[in-house]
Amino acid sequence: MSRQTVGEALSGRLFAAETAIDAALTEAASLVAMLPAARAEAYLSAATGQRAFDAAAAAVTSLTQARAHMVAT
């Protein structure tokens, strides 16, 4: 394989990884957005769902950091 061919293959993989992270970020953010309404609809106190909200928000943060690292590559 030539250097150009290897570079093109790596570029394709990088784009695919960035796209996958973007899709995961979209889904995780949608989940975070739904949690408060779902909690209210189920008539649960805010304290009941706080750990789940914190974990989902942390996942969004981690995905955002992963995206930044991939973009920097």
C-alpha atoms as a PDB file:
ATOM      1  CA  MET A   1       0.000   0.000   0.000  1.00  0.00           C
ATOM      2  CA  SER A   2       1.137   3.495  -0.726  1.00  0.00           C
ATOM      3  CA  ARG A   3       1.309   6.215   1.901  1.00  0.00           C
ATOM      4  CA  GLN A   4      -1.585   7.981   0.251  1.00  0.00           C
ATOM      5  CA  THR A   5      -3.733   4.845   0.363  1.00  0.00           C
ATOM      6  CA  VAL A   6      -2.921   4.339   4.042  1.00  0.00           C
ATOM      7  CA  GLY A   7      -3.685   7.986   4.762  1.00  0.00           C
ATOM      8  CA  GLU A   8      -7.013   7.764   2.969  1.00  0.00           C
ATOM      9  CA  ALA A   9      -7.938   4.620   4.908  1.00  0.00           C
ATOM     10  CA  LEU A  10      -7.044   6.296   8.202  1.00  0.00           C
ATOM     11  CA  SER A  11      -9.007   9.386   7.230  1.00  0.00           C
ATOM     12  CA  GLY A  12     -12.059   7.243   6.544  1.00  0.00           C
ATOM     13  CA  ARG A  13     -11.767   5.549   9.931  1.00  0.00           C
ATOM     14  CA  LEU A  14     -11.368   8.911  11.685  1.00  0.00           C
ATOM     15  CA  PHE A  15     -14.477  10.262   9.967  1.00  0.00           C
ATOM     16  CA  ALA A  16     -16.405   7.110  10.922  1.00  0.00           C
ATOM     17  CA  ALA A  17     -15.297   7.439  14.561  1.00  0.00           C
ATOM     18  CA  GLU A  18     -16.296  11.122  14.664  1.00  0.00           C
ATOM     19  CA  THR A  19     -19.684  10.263  13.156  1.00  0.00           C
ATOM     20  CA  ALA A  20     -20.252   7.487  15.704  1.00  0.00           C
ATOM     21  CA  ILE A  21     -19.410   9.794  18.601  1.00  0.00           C
ATOM     22  CA  ASP A  22     -21.752  12.452  17.206  1.00  0.00           C
ATOM     23  CA  ALA A  23     -24.569   9.887  16.992  1.00  0.00           C
ATOM     24  CA  ALA A  24     -23.922   8.707  20.557  1.00  0.00           C
ATOM     25  CA  LEU A  25     -23.795  12.310  21.760  1.00  0.00           C
ATOM     26  CA  THR A  26     -27.128  13.040  20.076  1.00  0.00           C
ATOM     27  CA  GLU A  27     -28.783  10.031  21.712  1.00  0.00           C
ATOM     28  CA  ALA A  28     -27.317  10.731  25.148  1.00  0.00           C
ATOM     29  CA  ALA A  29     -28.344  14.384  25.000  1.00  0.00           C
ATOM     30  CA  SER A  30     -31.870  13.354  24.016  1.00  0.00           C
ATOM     31  CA  LEU A  31     -31.992  11.043  27.019  1.00  0.00           C
ATOM     32  CA  VAL A  32     -30.840  13.816  29.354  1.00  0.00           C
ATOM     33  CA  ALA A  33     -33.465  16.137  27.891  1.00  0.00           C
ATOM     34  CA  MET A  34     -36.227  13.585  28.488  1.00  0.00           C
ATOM     35  CA  LEU A  35     -35.351  12.695  32.075  1.00  0.00           C
ATOM     36  CA  PRO A  36     -36.963  15.654  33.885  1.00  0.00           C
ATOM     37  CA  ALA A  37     -40.270  15.292  32.008  1.00  0.00           C
ATOM     38  CA  ALA A  38     -40.288  11.509  32.498  1.00  0.00           C
ATOM     39  CA  ARG A  39     -39.679  11.948  36.218  1.00  0.00           C
ATOM     40  CA  ALA A  40     -42.508  14.467  36.499  1.00  0.00           C
ATOM     41  CA  GLU A  41     -44.851  12.300  34.434  1.00  0.00           C
ATOM     42  CA  ALA A  42     -44.176   9.359  36.756  1.00  0.00           C
ATOM     43  CA  TYR A  43     -44.857  11.581  39.797  1.00  0.00           C
ATOM     44  CA  LEU A  44     -41.423  10.926  41.284  1.00  0.00           C
ATOM     45  CA  SER A  45     -39.512  13.364  43.425  1.00  0.00           C
ATOM     46  CA  ALA A  46     -36.467  15.098  41.981  1.00  0.00           C
ATOM     47  CA  ALA A  47     -34.275  13.234  44.464  1.00  0.00           C
ATOM     48  CA  THR A  48     -35.434   9.889  43.073  1.00  0.00           C
ATOM     49  CA  GLY A  49     -33.965  10.419  39.626  1.00  0.00           C
ATOM     50  CA  GLN A  50     -30.966  12.565  40.489  1.00  0.00           C
ATOM     51  CA  ARG A  51     -28.368   9.789  40.278  1.00  0.00           C
ATOM     52  CA  ALA A  52     -29.623   8.748  36.848  1.00  0.00           C
ATOM     53  CA  PHE A  53     -29.593  12.385  35.709  1.00  0.00           C
ATOM     54  CA  ASP A  54     -26.044  12.874  37.025  1.00  0.00           C
ATOM     55  CA  ALA A  55     -24.821   9.708  35.292  1.00  0.00           C
ATOM     56  CA  ALA A  56     -26.436  10.614  31.970  1.00  0.00           C
ATOM     57  CA  ALA A  57     -25.035  14.152  32.159  1.00  0.00           C
ATOM     58  CA  ALA A  58     -21.579  12.725  32.902  1.00  0.00           C
ATOM     59  CA  ALA A  59     -21.904  10.487  29.841  1.00  0.00           C
ATOM     60  CA  VAL A  60     -22.643  13.554  27.696  1.00  0.00           C
ATOM     61  CA  THR A  61     -19.569  15.257  29.132  1.00  0.00           C
ATOM     62  CA  SER A  62     -17.415  12.212  28.406  1.00  0.00           C
ATOM     63  CA  LEU A  63     -18.699  11.958  24.853  1.00  0.00           C
ATOM     64  CA  THR A  64     -18.013  15.665  24.345  1.00  0.00           C
ATOM     65  CA  GLN A  65     -14.448  15.134  25.541  1.00  0.00           C
ATOM     66  CA  ALA A  66     -14.055  12.089  23.289  1.00  0.00           C
ATOM     67  CA  ARG A  67     -15.285  14.140  20.335  1.00  0.00           C
ATOM     68  CA  ALA A  68     -12.752  16.879  21.108  1.00  0.00           C
ATOM     69  CA  HIS A  69      -9.933  14.316  21.193  1.00  0.00           C
ATOM     70  CA  MET A  70     -10.998  12.817  17.864  1.00  0.00           C
ATOM     71  CA  VAL A  71     -11.246  16.246  16.235  1.00  0.00           C
ATOM     72  CA  ALA A  72      -7.749  17.039  17.509  1.00  0.00           C
ATOM     73  CA  THR A  73      -6.404  13.885  15.842  1.00  0.00           C
END
